[in-house]
């Protein structure tokens, strides 16, 4: 269960500063930078999830042999 909850927790922790940055930049009128920042954060988080999934799959294959 921890393996399922931990990535979600990390994702939410990464979004807290992103949301704070987004609200500040939006008040200053820099909405396009906010969109690019959120897209970058989502891509980065998806890459981390893919990396974790790859390690888990490799470990499962080793245990199956």
PDB file of N, CA and C in Angstrom:
ATOM      1  N   UNK A   1       0.825  -1.195   0.000  1.00  0.00           N
ATOM      2  CA  UNK A   1       0.000   0.000   0.000  1.00  0.00           C
ATOM      3  C   UNK A   1       0.868   1.257   0.000  1.00  0.00           C
ATOM      4  N   UNK A   2       1.989   1.190   0.698  1.00  0.00           N
ATOM      5  CA  UNK A   2       2.884   2.349   0.755  1.00  0.00           C
ATOM      6  C   UNK A   2       3.407   2.712  -0.631  1.00  0.00           C
ATOM      7  N   UNK A   3       3.626   1.707  -1.469  1.00  0.00           N
ATOM      8  CA  UNK A   3       4.111   1.970  -2.827  1.00  0.00           C
ATOM      9  C   UNK A   3       3.087   2.733  -3.651  1.00  0.00           C
ATOM     10  N   UNK A   4       1.821   2.593  -3.334  1.00  0.00           N
ATOM     11  CA  UNK A   4       0.779   3.313  -4.074  1.00  0.00           C
ATOM     12  C   UNK A   4       0.542   4.702  -3.498  1.00  0.00           C
ATOM     13  N   UNK A   5       0.693   4.848  -2.203  1.00  0.00           N
ATOM     14  CA  UNK A   5       0.402   6.121  -1.546  1.00  0.00           C
ATOM     15  C   UNK A   5       1.575   7.092  -1.647  1.00  0.00           C
ATOM     16  N   UNK A   6       2.795   6.580  -1.577  1.00  0.00           N
ATOM     17  CA  UNK A   6       3.974   7.446  -1.580  1.00  0.00           C
ATOM     18  C   UNK A   6       4.094   8.305  -2.843  1.00  0.00           C
ATOM     19  N   UNK A   7       3.953   7.756  -4.059  1.00  0.00           N
ATOM     20  CA  UNK A   7       4.034   8.628  -5.239  1.00  0.00           C
ATOM     21  C   UNK A   7       2.948   9.696  -5.267  1.00  0.00           C
ATOM     22  N   UNK A   8       1.757   9.349  -4.836  1.00  0.00           N
ATOM     23  CA  UNK A   8       0.676  10.334  -4.801  1.00  0.00           C
ATOM     24  C   UNK A   8       0.989  11.438  -3.800  1.00  0.00           C
ATOM     25  N   UNK A   9       1.548  11.067  -2.662  1.00  0.00           N
ATOM     26  CA  UNK A   9       1.935  12.056  -1.661  1.00  0.00           C
ATOM     27  C   UNK A   9       3.024  12.975  -2.197  1.00  0.00           C
ATOM     28  N   UNK A  10       4.021  12.403  -2.865  1.00  0.00           N
ATOM     29  CA  UNK A  10       5.084  13.223  -3.451  1.00  0.00           C
ATOM     30  C   UNK A  10       4.533  14.155  -4.519  1.00  0.00           C
ATOM     31  N   UNK A  11       3.600  13.655  -5.317  1.00  0.00           N
ATOM     32  CA  UNK A  11       2.972  14.480  -6.347  1.00  0.00           C
ATOM     33  C   UNK A  11       2.263  15.675  -5.716  1.00  0.00           C
ATOM     34  N   UNK A  12       1.519  15.433  -4.655  1.00  0.00           N
ATOM     35  CA  UNK A  12       0.810  16.523  -3.987  1.00  0.00           C
ATOM     36  C   UNK A  12       1.772  17.501  -3.329  1.00  0.00           C
ATOM     37  N   UNK A  13       2.859  16.996  -2.759  1.00  0.00           N
ATOM     38  CA  UNK A  13       3.848  17.885  -2.151  1.00  0.00           C
ATOM     39  C   UNK A  13       4.534  18.761  -3.196  1.00  0.00           C
ATOM     40  N   UNK A  14       4.730  18.230  -4.400  1.00  0.00           N
ATOM     41  CA  UNK A  14       5.327  19.029  -5.470  1.00  0.00           C
ATOM     42  C   UNK A  14       4.362  20.077  -5.995  1.00  0.00           C
ATOM     43  N   UNK A  15       3.073  19.806  -5.910  1.00  0.00           N
ATOM     44  CA  UNK A  15       2.101  20.767  -6.426  1.00  0.00           C
ATOM     45  C   UNK A  15       1.863  21.935  -5.477  1.00  0.00           C
ATOM     46  N   UNK A  16       2.184  21.784  -4.203  1.00  0.00           N
ATOM     47  CA  UNK A  16       1.971  22.892  -3.259  1.00  0.00           C
ATOM     48  C   UNK A  16       2.799  24.116  -3.641  1.00  0.00           C
ATOM     49  N   UNK A  17       4.134  23.996  -3.838  1.00  0.00           N
ATOM     50  CA  UNK A  17       4.873  25.192  -4.266  1.00  0.00           C
ATOM     51  C   UNK A  17       4.489  25.640  -5.665  1.00  0.00           C
ATOM     52  N   UNK A  18       4.107  24.698  -6.522  1.00  0.00           N
ATOM     53  CA  UNK A  18       3.686  25.075  -7.872  1.00  0.00           C
ATOM     54  C   UNK A  18       2.420  25.917  -7.818  1.00  0.00           C
ATOM     55  N   UNK A  19       1.499  25.549  -6.956  1.00  0.00           N
ATOM     56  CA  UNK A  19       0.268  26.329  -6.824  1.00  0.00           C
ATOM     57  C   UNK A  19       0.555  27.708  -6.243  1.00  0.00           C
ATOM     58  N   UNK A  20       1.470  27.780  -5.292  1.00  0.00           N
ATOM     59  CA  UNK A  20       1.832  29.078  -4.722  1.00  0.00           C
ATOM     60  C   UNK A  20       2.481  29.963  -5.774  1.00  0.00           C
ATOM     61  N   UNK A  21       3.375  29.390  -6.569  1.00  0.00           N
ATOM     62  CA  UNK A  21       4.021  30.150  -7.644  1.00  0.00           C
ATOM     63  C   UNK A  21       2.987  30.590  -8.668  1.00  0.00           C
ATOM     64  N   UNK A  22       2.059  29.692  -8.980  1.00  0.00           N
ATOM     65  CA  UNK A  22       1.032  30.010  -9.969  1.00  0.00           C
ATOM     66  C   UNK A  22       0.130  31.139  -9.535  1.00  0.00           C
ATOM     67  N   UNK A  23      -0.257  31.152  -8.280  1.00  0.00           N
ATOM     68  CA  UNK A  23      -1.145  32.219  -7.820  1.00  0.00           C
ATOM     69  C   UNK A  23      -0.422  33.562  -7.802  1.00  0.00           C
ATOM     70  N   UNK A  24       0.870  33.559  -7.448  1.00  0.00           N
ATOM     71  CA  UNK A  24       1.652  34.804  -7.469  1.00  0.00           C
ATOM     72  C   UNK A  24       1.815  35.326  -8.885  1.00  0.00           C
ATOM     73  N   UNK A  25       2.189  34.446  -9.795  1.00  0.00           N
ATOM     74  CA  UNK A  25       2.432  34.867 -11.172  1.00  0.00           C
ATOM     75  C   UNK A  25       1.137  35.298 -11.850  1.00  0.00           C
ATOM     76  N   UNK A  26       0.041  34.652 -11.504  1.00  0.00           N
ATOM     77  CA  UNK A  26      -1.238  35.018 -12.114  1.00  0.00           C
ATOM     78  C   UNK A  26      -1.671  36.410 -11.666  1.00  0.00           C
ATOM     79  N   UNK A  27      -1.405  36.745 -10.414  1.00  0.00           N
ATOM     80  CA  UNK A  27      -1.760  38.081  -9.932  1.00  0.00           C
ATOM     81  C   UNK A  27      -0.932  39.149 -10.640  1.00  0.00           C
ATOM     82  N   UNK A  28       0.289  38.791 -11.043  1.00  0.00           N
ATOM     83  CA  UNK A  28       1.143  39.743 -11.736  1.00  0.00           C
ATOM     84  C   UNK A  28       0.876  39.772 -13.238  1.00  0.00           C
ATOM     85  N   UNK A  29       0.037  38.888 -13.734  1.00  0.00           N
ATOM     86  CA  UNK A  29      -0.323  38.886 -15.146  1.00  0.00           C
ATOM     87  C   UNK A  29       0.567  38.034 -16.031  1.00  0.00           C
ATOM     88  N   UNK A  30       1.243  37.037 -15.470  1.00  0.00           N
ATOM     89  CA  UNK A  30       2.125  36.165 -16.250  1.00  0.00           C
ATOM     90  C   UNK A  30       1.490  34.787 -16.417  1.00  0.00           C
ATOM     91  N   UNK A  31       0.316  34.730 -16.994  1.00  0.00           N
ATOM     92  CA  UNK A  31      -0.415  33.462 -17.068  1.00  0.00           C
ATOM     93  C   UNK A  31       0.275  32.445 -17.968  1.00  0.00           C
ATOM     94  N   UNK A  32       0.932  32.892 -19.055  1.00  0.00           N
ATOM     95  CA  UNK A  32       1.567  31.931 -19.958  1.00  0.00           C
ATOM     96  C   UNK A  32       2.712  31.199 -19.265  1.00  0.00           C
ATOM     97  N   UNK A  33       3.432  31.871 -18.365  1.00  0.00           N
ATOM     98  CA  UNK A  33       4.505  31.209 -17.631  1.00  0.00           C
ATOM     99  C   UNK A  33       3.946  30.194 -16.647  1.00  0.00           C
ATOM    100  N   UNK A  34       2.800  30.478 -16.095  1.00  0.00           N
ATOM    101  CA  UNK A  34       2.159  29.544 -15.164  1.00  0.00           C
ATOM    102  C   UNK A  34       1.795  28.261 -15.897  1.00  0.00           C
ATOM    103  N   UNK A  35       1.227  28.383 -17.085  1.00  0.00           N
ATOM    104  CA  UNK A  35       0.847  27.206 -17.867  1.00  0.00           C
ATOM    105  C   UNK A  35       2.077  26.378 -18.209  1.00  0.00           C
ATOM    106  N   UNK A  36       3.139  27.015 -18.667  1.00  0.00           N
ATOM    107  CA  UNK A  36       4.361  26.292 -19.007  1.00  0.00           C
ATOM    108  C   UNK A  36       4.958  25.618 -17.772  1.00  0.00           C
ATOM    109  N   UNK A  37       4.892  26.280 -16.647  1.00  0.00           N
ATOM    110  CA  UNK A  37       5.436  25.720 -15.415  1.00  0.00           C
ATOM    111  C   UNK A  37       4.666  24.472 -15.005  1.00  0.00           C
ATOM    112  N   UNK A  38       3.334  24.538 -15.056  1.00  0.00           N
ATOM    113  CA  UNK A  38       2.530  23.377 -14.677  1.00  0.00           C
ATOM    114  C   UNK A  38       2.726  22.223 -15.649  1.00  0.00           C
ATOM    115  N   UNK A  39       2.841  22.513 -16.932  1.00  0.00           N
ATOM    116  CA  UNK A  39       3.096  21.450 -17.907  1.00  0.00           C
ATOM    117  C   UNK A  39       4.447  20.801 -17.624  1.00  0.00           C
ATOM    118  N   UNK A  40       5.447  21.608 -17.336  1.00  0.00           N
ATOM    119  CA  UNK A  40       6.762  21.071 -16.995  1.00  0.00           C
ATOM    120  C   UNK A  40       6.732  20.215 -15.744  1.00  0.00           C
ATOM    121  N   UNK A  41       5.993  20.655 -14.735  1.00  0.00           N
ATOM    122  CA  UNK A  41       5.885  19.873 -13.502  1.00  0.00           C
ATOM    123  C   UNK A  41       5.200  18.532 -13.759  1.00  0.00           C
ATOM    124  N   UNK A  42       4.147  18.541 -14.557  1.00  0.00           N
ATOM    125  CA  UNK A  42       3.431  17.300 -14.853  1.00  0.00           C
ATOM    126  C   UNK A  42       4.327  16.338 -15.620  1.00  0.00           C
ATOM    127  N   UNK A  43       5.065  16.837 -16.608  1.00  0.00           N
ATOM    128  CA  UNK A  43       5.973  15.979 -17.375  1.00  0.00           C
ATOM    129  C   UNK A  43       7.057  15.405 -16.467  1.00  0.00           C
ATOM    130  N   UNK A  44       7.608  16.226 -15.602  1.00  0.00           N
ATOM    131  CA  UNK A  44       8.645  15.761 -14.680  1.00  0.00           C
ATOM    132  C   UNK A  44       8.110  14.672 -13.756  1.00  0.00           C
ATOM    133  N   UNK A  45       6.932  14.854 -13.243  1.00  0.00           N
ATOM    134  CA  UNK A  45       6.337  13.868 -12.338  1.00  0.00           C
ATOM    135  C   UNK A  45       6.017  12.572 -13.078  1.00  0.00           C
ATOM    136  N   UNK A  46       5.535  12.675 -14.320  1.00  0.00           N
ATOM    137  CA  UNK A  46       5.274  11.467 -15.104  1.00  0.00           C
ATOM    138  C   UNK A  46       6.561  10.708 -15.387  1.00  0.00           C
ATOM    139  N   UNK A  47       7.652  11.415 -15.631  1.00  0.00           N
ATOM    140  CA  UNK A  47       8.936  10.749 -15.836  1.00  0.00           C
ATOM    141  C   UNK A  47       9.394  10.023 -14.576  1.00  0.00           C
ATOM    142  N   UNK A  48       9.194  10.629 -13.432  1.00  0.00           N
ATOM    143  CA  UNK A  48       9.559   9.974 -12.168  1.00  0.00           C
ATOM    144  C   UNK A  48       8.704   8.728 -11.957  1.00  0.00           C
ATOM    145  N   UNK A  49       7.406   8.819 -12.237  1.00  0.00           N
ATOM    146  CA  UNK A  49       6.536   7.648 -12.105  1.00  0.00           C
ATOM    147  C   UNK A  49       6.961   6.538 -13.063  1.00  0.00           C
ATOM    148  N   UNK A  50       7.339   6.889 -14.291  1.00  0.00           N
ATOM    149  CA  UNK A  50       7.792   5.887 -15.259  1.00  0.00           C
ATOM    150  C   UNK A  50       9.074   5.219 -14.776  1.00  0.00           C
ATOM    151  N   UNK A  51       9.963   5.984 -14.194  1.00  0.00           N
ATOM    152  CA  UNK A  51      11.203   5.434 -13.661  1.00  0.00           C
ATOM    153  C   UNK A  51      10.917   4.469 -12.513  1.00  0.00           C
ATOM    154  N   UNK A  52      10.035   4.850 -11.616  1.00  0.00           N
ATOM    155  CA  UNK A  52       9.660   3.975 -10.501  1.00  0.00           C
ATOM    156  C   UNK A  52       9.004   2.700 -11.023  1.00  0.00           C
ATOM    157  N   UNK A  53       8.130   2.827 -12.006  1.00  0.00           N
ATOM    158  CA  UNK A  53       7.460   1.650 -12.574  1.00  0.00           C
ATOM    159  C   UNK A  53       8.471   0.720 -13.234  1.00  0.00           C
ATOM    160  N   UNK A  54       9.471   1.281 -13.892  1.00  0.00           N
ATOM    161  CA  UNK A  54      10.511   0.457 -14.511  1.00  0.00           C
ATOM    162  C   UNK A  54      11.295  -0.338 -13.483  1.00  0.00           C
ATOM    163  N   UNK A  55      11.658   0.302 -12.385  1.00  0.00           N
ATOM    164  CA  UNK A  55      12.368  -0.411 -11.327  1.00  0.00           C
ATOM    165  C   UNK A  55      11.494  -1.495 -10.705  1.00  0.00           C
ATOM    166  N   UNK A  56      10.222  -1.196 -10.513  1.00  0.00           N
ATOM    167  CA  UNK A  56       9.311  -2.197  -9.940  1.00  0.00           C
ATOM    168  C   UNK A  56       9.148  -3.383 -10.893  1.00  0.00           C
ATOM    169  N   UNK A  57       9.043  -3.130 -12.184  1.00  0.00           N
ATOM    170  CA  UNK A  57       8.893  -4.212 -13.161  1.00  0.00           C
ATOM    171  C   UNK A  57      10.159  -5.067 -13.202  1.00  0.00           C
ATOM    172  N   UNK A  58      11.311  -4.422 -13.148  1.00  0.00           N
ATOM    173  CA  UNK A  58      12.562  -5.180 -13.165  1.00  0.00           C
ATOM    174  C   UNK A  58      12.675  -6.058 -11.919  1.00  0.00           C
ATOM    175  N   UNK A  59      12.285  -5.524 -10.778  1.00  0.00           N
ATOM    176  CA  UNK A  59      12.332  -6.306  -9.543  1.00  0.00           C
ATOM    177  C   UNK A  59      11.348  -7.478  -9.606  1.00  0.00           C
ATOM    178  N   UNK A  60      10.173  -7.253 -10.170  1.00  0.00           N
ATOM    179  CA  UNK A  60       9.179  -8.327 -10.281  1.00  0.00           C
ATOM    180  C   UNK A  60       9.678  -9.436 -11.202  1.00  0.00           C
ATOM    181  N   UNK A  61      10.358  -9.062 -12.294  1.00  0.00           N
ATOM    182  CA  UNK A  61      10.898 -10.083 -13.199  1.00  0.00           C
ATOM    183  C   UNK A  61      11.987 -10.894 -12.512  1.00  0.00           C
ATOM    184  N   UNK A  62      12.828 -10.234 -11.732  1.00  0.00           N
ATOM    185  CA  UNK A  62      13.887 -10.964 -11.017  1.00  0.00           C
ATOM    186  C   UNK A  62      13.298 -11.929 -10.001  1.00  0.00           C
ATOM    187  N   UNK A  63      12.250 -11.522  -9.317  1.00  0.00           N
ATOM    188  CA  UNK A  63      11.626 -12.388  -8.313  1.00  0.00           C
ATOM    189  C   UNK A  63      10.872 -13.539  -8.959  1.00  0.00           C
ATOM    190  N   UNK A  64      10.397 -13.361 -10.188  1.00  0.00           N
ATOM    191  CA  UNK A  64       9.643 -14.411 -10.870  1.00  0.00           C
ATOM    192  C   UNK A  64      10.562 -15.521 -11.379  1.00  0.00           C
ATOM    193  N   UNK A  65      11.824 -15.203 -11.591  1.00  0.00           N
ATOM    194  CA  UNK A  65      12.753 -16.210 -12.138  1.00  0.00           C
ATOM    195  C   UNK A  65      13.187 -17.212 -11.114  1.00  0.00           C
TER     196      UNK A  65
END
